[in-house]
């Protein structure tokens, strides 16, 4: 993924990995992957995500799904 990434782009990448939107409250979207193991994550639906937020989301998904960070980043 590029450095300046929107929340919608992150949601699209997570959908490609099998995550589904389960709810939204304000500008935050909750997604779930039905495992095993199941995993949920919240993504802010902002125009530009801060680098630390993007990094935390990517690392959390990579750890939960047992995939490399590089493979998630290449999906942009």
C-alpha atoms as a PDB file:
ATOM      1  CA  UNK A   1       0.000   0.000   0.000  1.00  0.00           C
ATOM      2  CA  UNK A   2       1.150   3.519  -0.663  1.00  0.00           C
ATOM      3  CA  UNK A   3       2.072   5.839   2.181  1.00  0.00           C
ATOM      4  CA  UNK A   4      -1.033   8.042   1.823  1.00  0.00           C
ATOM      5  CA  UNK A   5      -3.846   5.539   1.963  1.00  0.00           C
ATOM      6  CA  UNK A   6      -7.534   6.097   2.615  1.00  0.00           C
ATOM      7  CA  UNK A   7      -9.598   4.047   5.005  1.00  0.00           C
ATOM      8  CA  UNK A   8     -11.729   2.914   2.061  1.00  0.00           C
ATOM      9  CA  UNK A   9      -8.621   1.504   0.327  1.00  0.00           C
ATOM     10  CA  UNK A  10      -7.638  -0.419   3.461  1.00  0.00           C
ATOM     11  CA  UNK A  11     -11.183  -1.773   3.740  1.00  0.00           C
ATOM     12  CA  UNK A  12     -11.013  -2.926   0.097  1.00  0.00           C
ATOM     13  CA  UNK A  13      -7.703  -4.727   0.707  1.00  0.00           C
ATOM     14  CA  UNK A  14      -9.104  -6.395   3.824  1.00  0.00           C
ATOM     15  CA  UNK A  15     -12.195  -7.462   1.860  1.00  0.00           C
ATOM     16  CA  UNK A  16      -9.873  -9.107  -0.668  1.00  0.00           C
ATOM     17  CA  UNK A  17      -8.355 -11.025   2.259  1.00  0.00           C
ATOM     18  CA  UNK A  18     -11.783 -12.305   3.304  1.00  0.00           C
ATOM     19  CA  UNK A  19     -12.838  -9.685   5.862  1.00  0.00           C
ATOM     20  CA  UNK A  20     -16.471  -8.553   5.917  1.00  0.00           C
ATOM     21  CA  UNK A  21     -17.924  -5.323   7.264  1.00  0.00           C
ATOM     22  CA  UNK A  22     -20.017  -6.090  10.328  1.00  0.00           C
ATOM     23  CA  UNK A  23     -20.884  -2.556  11.443  1.00  0.00           C
ATOM     24  CA  UNK A  24     -20.024   1.118  11.235  1.00  0.00           C
ATOM     25  CA  UNK A  25     -20.295   3.790  13.890  1.00  0.00           C
ATOM     26  CA  UNK A  26     -19.437   7.286  12.749  1.00  0.00           C
ATOM     27  CA  UNK A  27     -16.283   7.146  10.676  1.00  0.00           C
ATOM     28  CA  UNK A  28     -15.072   3.810  12.069  1.00  0.00           C
ATOM     29  CA  UNK A  29     -15.795   0.513  10.335  1.00  0.00           C
ATOM     30  CA  UNK A  30     -15.566  -2.845  12.103  1.00  0.00           C
ATOM     31  CA  UNK A  31     -14.551  -5.838   9.963  1.00  0.00           C
ATOM     32  CA  UNK A  32     -14.364  -9.536  10.799  1.00  0.00           C
ATOM     33  CA  UNK A  33     -12.686 -12.559   9.262  1.00  0.00           C
ATOM     34  CA  UNK A  34     -14.434 -15.770  10.256  1.00  0.00           C
ATOM     35  CA  UNK A  35     -11.240 -17.772  10.759  1.00  0.00           C
ATOM     36  CA  UNK A  36     -10.273 -20.074  12.142  1.00  0.00           C
ATOM     37  CA  UNK A  37      -9.175 -18.201  14.079  1.00  0.00           C
ATOM     38  CA  UNK A  38     -11.711 -15.422  13.759  1.00  0.00           C
ATOM     39  CA  UNK A  39     -10.318 -11.891  13.827  1.00  0.00           C
ATOM     40  CA  UNK A  40     -11.926  -8.461  14.070  1.00  0.00           C
ATOM     41  CA  UNK A  41     -10.388  -5.073  13.350  1.00  0.00           C
ATOM     42  CA  UNK A  42     -11.575  -1.474  13.282  1.00  0.00           C
ATOM     43  CA  UNK A  43     -10.561   0.810  10.413  1.00  0.00           C
ATOM     44  CA  UNK A  44     -11.149   4.570  10.459  1.00  0.00           C
ATOM     45  CA  UNK A  45     -12.863   5.620   7.238  1.00  0.00           C
ATOM     46  CA  UNK A  46     -10.709   8.745   6.815  1.00  0.00           C
ATOM     47  CA  UNK A  47      -9.378  10.313   3.615  1.00  0.00           C
ATOM     48  CA  UNK A  48      -5.773   9.731   4.718  1.00  0.00           C
ATOM     49  CA  UNK A  49      -4.717   7.348   7.466  1.00  0.00           C
ATOM     50  CA  UNK A  50      -1.731   8.300   9.579  1.00  0.00           C
ATOM     51  CA  UNK A  51       1.342   6.138   9.065  1.00  0.00           C
ATOM     52  CA  UNK A  52       1.159   4.712  12.594  1.00  0.00           C
ATOM     53  CA  UNK A  53      -2.505   3.770  12.194  1.00  0.00           C
ATOM     54  CA  UNK A  54      -1.836   2.062   8.869  1.00  0.00           C
ATOM     55  CA  UNK A  55       1.187   0.271  10.322  1.00  0.00           C
ATOM     56  CA  UNK A  56      -0.838  -0.996  13.296  1.00  0.00           C
ATOM     57  CA  UNK A  57      -3.666  -2.285  11.075  1.00  0.00           C
ATOM     58  CA  UNK A  58      -1.298  -4.075   8.677  1.00  0.00           C
ATOM     59  CA  UNK A  59       0.718  -5.660  11.494  1.00  0.00           C
ATOM     60  CA  UNK A  60      -2.417  -6.789  13.331  1.00  0.00           C
ATOM     61  CA  UNK A  61      -3.869  -8.427  10.211  1.00  0.00           C
ATOM     62  CA  UNK A  62      -0.540 -10.027   9.265  1.00  0.00           C
ATOM     63  CA  UNK A  63      -0.183 -11.547  12.731  1.00  0.00           C
ATOM     64  CA  UNK A  64      -3.798 -12.728  12.932  1.00  0.00           C
ATOM     65  CA  UNK A  65      -3.850 -14.256   9.444  1.00  0.00           C
ATOM     66  CA  UNK A  66      -0.257 -15.583   9.598  1.00  0.00           C
ATOM     67  CA  UNK A  67       0.764 -13.831   6.389  1.00  0.00           C
ATOM     68  CA  UNK A  68       3.691 -11.568   5.616  1.00  0.00           C
ATOM     69  CA  UNK A  69       3.346  -7.814   5.892  1.00  0.00           C
ATOM     70  CA  UNK A  70       4.903  -7.520   2.411  1.00  0.00           C
ATOM     71  CA  UNK A  71       2.067  -9.492   0.835  1.00  0.00           C
ATOM     72  CA  UNK A  72      -0.523  -7.150   2.368  1.00  0.00           C
ATOM     73  CA  UNK A  73       1.416  -4.066   1.283  1.00  0.00           C
ATOM     74  CA  UNK A  74       1.699  -5.375  -2.271  1.00  0.00           C
ATOM     75  CA  UNK A  75      -2.099  -5.562  -2.617  1.00  0.00           C
ATOM     76  CA  UNK A  76      -2.444  -1.841  -3.317  1.00  0.00           C
END
